[in-house]
Amino acid sequence: VQLQASGGGLVQAGGSLRLSCAASGRTFSNYAMGWFRQAPGKQREIVAGINFSGSNTNYANSVKGRFTISRDNAKNTVYLQMNSLEPEDTAVYYCAAGSMWRIDGVRSWGQGTLVTVSS
């Protein structure tokens, strides 16, 4: 599956952004999906994950209560709603297919979209 992420940008602290990740192919609904991020000088880390049907989600402790992951299998798209953004959320955000938590389970990566949160 090929992935195309969008929706990143510059936002002030406390603001919101919604990331989208569109997938090609007819097997999108078979995949767990995840959003990961990588800040400058840091390792890539999980942000949020969702199972194939959307019935189960999980979040990194740092974003719980602020971020929401969802998916629309009819549109082959997964979303990440980010509220109450903090400067520490600044990173390149990647969507991924095949895993809702572990990086080593990822089968496909999107190209990344930059989120910059100013203080």
C-alpha atoms as a PDB file:
ATOM      1  CA  VAL A   1       0.000   0.000   0.000  1.00  0.00           C
ATOM      2  CA  GLN A   2       1.243   3.490  -0.873  1.00  0.00           C
ATOM      3  CA  LEU A   3       0.636   6.342   1.544  1.00  0.00           C
ATOM      4  CA  GLN A   4       0.401  10.106   1.062  1.00  0.00           C
ATOM      5  CA  ALA A   5       0.350  12.286   4.152  1.00  0.00           C
ATOM      6  CA  SER A   6      -0.823  15.892   4.249  1.00  0.00           C
ATOM      7  CA  GLY A   7      -2.035  18.591   6.608  1.00  0.00           C
ATOM      8  CA  GLY A   8       1.128  19.685   8.336  1.00  0.00           C
ATOM      9  CA  GLY A   9       2.037  23.318   8.831  1.00  0.00           C
ATOM     10  CA  LEU A  10       2.932  26.071  11.256  1.00  0.00           C
ATOM     11  CA  VAL A  11       0.643  26.656  14.221  1.00  0.00           C
ATOM     12  CA  GLN A  12       0.873  28.520  17.505  1.00  0.00           C
ATOM     13  CA  ALA A  13       0.953  26.672  20.791  1.00  0.00           C
ATOM     14  CA  GLY A  14      -2.560  25.761  21.839  1.00  0.00           C
ATOM     15  CA  GLY A  15      -3.736  25.484  18.268  1.00  0.00           C
ATOM     16  CA  SER A  16      -4.966  22.522  16.250  1.00  0.00           C
ATOM     17  CA  LEU A  17      -4.106  20.683  13.067  1.00  0.00           C
ATOM     18  CA  ARG A  18      -5.601  17.704  11.299  1.00  0.00           C
ATOM     19  CA  LEU A  19      -3.320  15.357   9.428  1.00  0.00           C
ATOM     20  CA  SER A  20      -4.606  13.071   6.709  1.00  0.00           C
ATOM     21  CA  CYS A  21      -3.037  10.029   5.126  1.00  0.00           C
ATOM     22  CA  ALA A  22      -4.524   8.708   1.905  1.00  0.00           C
ATOM     23  CA  ALA A  23      -3.742   5.147   0.897  1.00  0.00           C
ATOM     24  CA  SER A  24      -3.803   3.592  -2.531  1.00  0.00           C
ATOM     25  CA  GLY A  25      -4.912   0.037  -3.177  1.00  0.00           C
ATOM     26  CA  ARG A  26      -7.919  -2.012  -2.232  1.00  0.00           C
ATOM     27  CA  THR A  27      -6.407  -3.628   0.872  1.00  0.00           C
ATOM     28  CA  PHE A  28      -6.299  -0.555   3.127  1.00  0.00           C
ATOM     29  CA  SER A  29      -8.981  -1.964   5.427  1.00  0.00           C
ATOM     30  CA  ASN A  30      -6.776  -5.000   6.123  1.00  0.00           C
ATOM     31  CA  TYR A  31      -4.055  -2.889   7.741  1.00  0.00           C
ATOM     32  CA  ALA A  32      -3.564  -1.510  11.188  1.00  0.00           C
ATOM     33  CA  MET A  33      -2.366   2.073  10.811  1.00  0.00           C
ATOM     34  CA  GLY A  34      -0.144   4.306  12.859  1.00  0.00           C
ATOM     35  CA  TRP A  35       1.150   7.825  13.082  1.00  0.00           C
ATOM     36  CA  PHE A  36       4.771   8.235  14.086  1.00  0.00           C
ATOM     37  CA  ARG A  37       6.881  11.350  14.450  1.00  0.00           C
ATOM     38  CA  GLN A  38      10.522  12.280  14.400  1.00  0.00           C
ATOM     39  CA  ALA A  39      11.861  15.465  15.924  1.00  0.00           C
ATOM     40  CA  PRO A  40      15.299  16.838  14.971  1.00  0.00           C
ATOM     41  CA  GLY A  41      18.042  14.794  16.579  1.00  0.00           C
ATOM     42  CA  LYS A  42      15.618  12.251  18.017  1.00  0.00           C
ATOM     43  CA  GLN A  43      14.478   8.782  17.115  1.00  0.00           C
ATOM     44  CA  ARG A  44      11.194   8.140  15.376  1.00  0.00           C
ATOM     45  CA  GLU A  45       8.467   7.373  17.894  1.00  0.00           C
ATOM     46  CA  ILE A  46       4.881   6.184  17.914  1.00  0.00           C
ATOM     47  CA  VAL A  47       2.190   8.823  18.360  1.00  0.00           C
ATOM     48  CA  ALA A  48      -1.043   6.899  17.830  1.00  0.00           C
ATOM     49  CA  GLY A  49      -2.303   3.684  16.286  1.00  0.00           C
ATOM     50  CA  ILE A  50      -5.600   2.226  15.142  1.00  0.00           C
ATOM     51  CA  ASN A  51      -6.595  -1.302  14.253  1.00  0.00           C
ATOM     52  CA  PHE A  52      -7.999  -2.348  10.866  1.00  0.00           C
ATOM     53  CA  SER A  53     -11.638  -1.699  11.764  1.00  0.00           C
ATOM     54  CA  GLY A  54     -11.141   1.394  13.894  1.00  0.00           C
ATOM     55  CA  SER A  55     -12.491  -0.308  17.015  1.00  0.00           C
ATOM     56  CA  ASN A  56      -9.207  -0.115  18.920  1.00  0.00           C
ATOM     57  CA  THR A  57      -6.804   2.779  19.318  1.00  0.00           C
ATOM     58  CA  ASN A  58      -3.742   3.541  21.378  1.00  0.00           C
ATOM     59  CA  TYR A  59      -1.740   6.673  22.117  1.00  0.00           C
ATOM     60  CA  ALA A  60       1.642   7.701  23.403  1.00  0.00           C
ATOM     61  CA  ASN A  61       1.362   9.112  26.913  1.00  0.00           C
ATOM     62  CA  SER A  62       2.601  12.483  25.687  1.00  0.00           C
ATOM     63  CA  VAL A  63      -0.421  12.983  23.409  1.00  0.00           C
ATOM     64  CA  LYS A  64      -3.227  11.259  25.297  1.00  0.00           C
ATOM     65  CA  GLY A  65      -6.240  13.508  25.670  1.00  0.00           C
ATOM     66  CA  ARG A  66      -4.961  15.896  22.981  1.00  0.00           C
ATOM     67  CA  PHE A  67      -4.682  13.779  19.809  1.00  0.00           C
ATOM     68  CA  THR A  68      -7.290  11.534  18.192  1.00  0.00           C
ATOM     69  CA  ILE A  69      -6.649   8.968  15.496  1.00  0.00           C
ATOM     70  CA  SER A  70      -9.465   7.788  13.242  1.00  0.00           C
ATOM     71  CA  ARG A  71      -9.944   6.129   9.895  1.00  0.00           C
ATOM     72  CA  ASP A  72     -12.459   5.999   7.074  1.00  0.00           C
ATOM     73  CA  ASN A  73     -12.029   2.717   5.224  1.00  0.00           C
ATOM     74  CA  ALA A  74     -14.478   3.793   2.511  1.00  0.00           C
ATOM     75  CA  LYS A  75     -12.108   6.673   1.704  1.00  0.00           C
ATOM     76  CA  ASN A  76      -8.871   4.743   2.331  1.00  0.00           C
ATOM     77  CA  THR A  77      -7.804   7.472   4.725  1.00  0.00           C
ATOM     78  CA  VAL A  78      -6.502   7.709   8.266  1.00  0.00           C
ATOM     79  CA  TYR A  79      -6.564  10.960  10.236  1.00  0.00           C
ATOM     80  CA  LEU A  80      -4.785  12.472  13.202  1.00  0.00           C
ATOM     81  CA  GLN A  81      -6.624  15.318  14.915  1.00  0.00           C
ATOM     82  CA  MET A  82      -4.147  17.254  17.037  1.00  0.00           C
ATOM     83  CA  ASN A  83      -5.443  19.720  19.610  1.00  0.00           C
ATOM     84  CA  SER A  84      -3.733  21.800  22.290  1.00  0.00           C
ATOM     85  CA  LEU A  85      -0.487  21.587  20.390  1.00  0.00           C
ATOM     86  CA  GLU A  86       2.750  22.232  22.231  1.00  0.00           C
ATOM     87  CA  PRO A  87       6.200  23.230  20.947  1.00  0.00           C
ATOM     88  CA  GLU A  88       7.353  19.729  21.926  1.00  0.00           C
ATOM     89  CA  ASP A  89       5.014  18.348  19.246  1.00  0.00           C
ATOM     90  CA  THR A  90       7.187  19.893  16.530  1.00  0.00           C
ATOM     91  CA  ALA A  91       8.340  17.054  14.272  1.00  0.00           C
ATOM     92  CA  VAL A  92       7.923  15.389  10.929  1.00  0.00           C
ATOM     93  CA  TYR A  93       4.857  13.178  11.169  1.00  0.00           C
ATOM     94  CA  TYR A  94       4.687   9.914   9.246  1.00  0.00           C
ATOM     95  CA  CYS A  95       1.748   7.660   8.631  1.00  0.00           C
ATOM     96  CA  ALA A  96       2.470   3.962   8.469  1.00  0.00           C
ATOM     97  CA  ALA A  97       0.661   0.813   7.449  1.00  0.00           C
ATOM     98  CA  GLY A  98       0.961  -2.526   9.167  1.00  0.00           C
ATOM     99  CA  SER A  99       1.450  -1.541  12.763  1.00  0.00           C
ATOM    100  CA  MET A 100      -0.443   0.401  15.386  1.00  0.00           C
ATOM    101  CA  TRP A 101       2.467   0.507  17.822  1.00  0.00           C
ATOM    102  CA  ARG A 102       5.783  -1.107  16.849  1.00  0.00           C
ATOM    103  CA  ILE A 103       8.093   0.425  14.279  1.00  0.00           C
ATOM    104  CA  ASP A 104       9.421  -3.000  13.288  1.00  0.00           C
ATOM    105  CA  GLY A 105       5.881  -4.001  12.275  1.00  0.00           C
ATOM    106  CA  VAL A 106       5.520  -1.223   9.721  1.00  0.00           C
ATOM    107  CA  ARG A 107       5.191  -2.382   6.118  1.00  0.00           C
ATOM    108  CA  SER A 108       4.827   0.959   4.364  1.00  0.00           C
ATOM    109  CA  TRP A 109       5.675   4.552   5.250  1.00  0.00           C
ATOM    110  CA  GLY A 110       4.201   7.774   3.981  1.00  0.00           C
ATOM    111  CA  GLN A 111       6.535  10.581   2.970  1.00  0.00           C
ATOM    112  CA  GLY A 112       6.095  12.649   6.124  1.00  0.00           C
ATOM    113  CA  THR A 113       4.524  16.012   6.790  1.00  0.00           C
ATOM    114  CA  LEU A 114       6.154  18.719   8.914  1.00  0.00           C
ATOM    115  CA  VAL A 115       4.363  20.116  11.945  1.00  0.00           C
ATOM    116  CA  THR A 116       5.886  23.182  13.570  1.00  0.00           C
ATOM    117  CA  VAL A 117       4.426  24.560  16.797  1.00  0.00           C
ATOM    118  CA  SER A 118       5.607  28.003  17.826  1.00  0.00           C
ATOM    119  CA  SER A 119       5.617  29.172  21.419  1.00  0.00           C
END
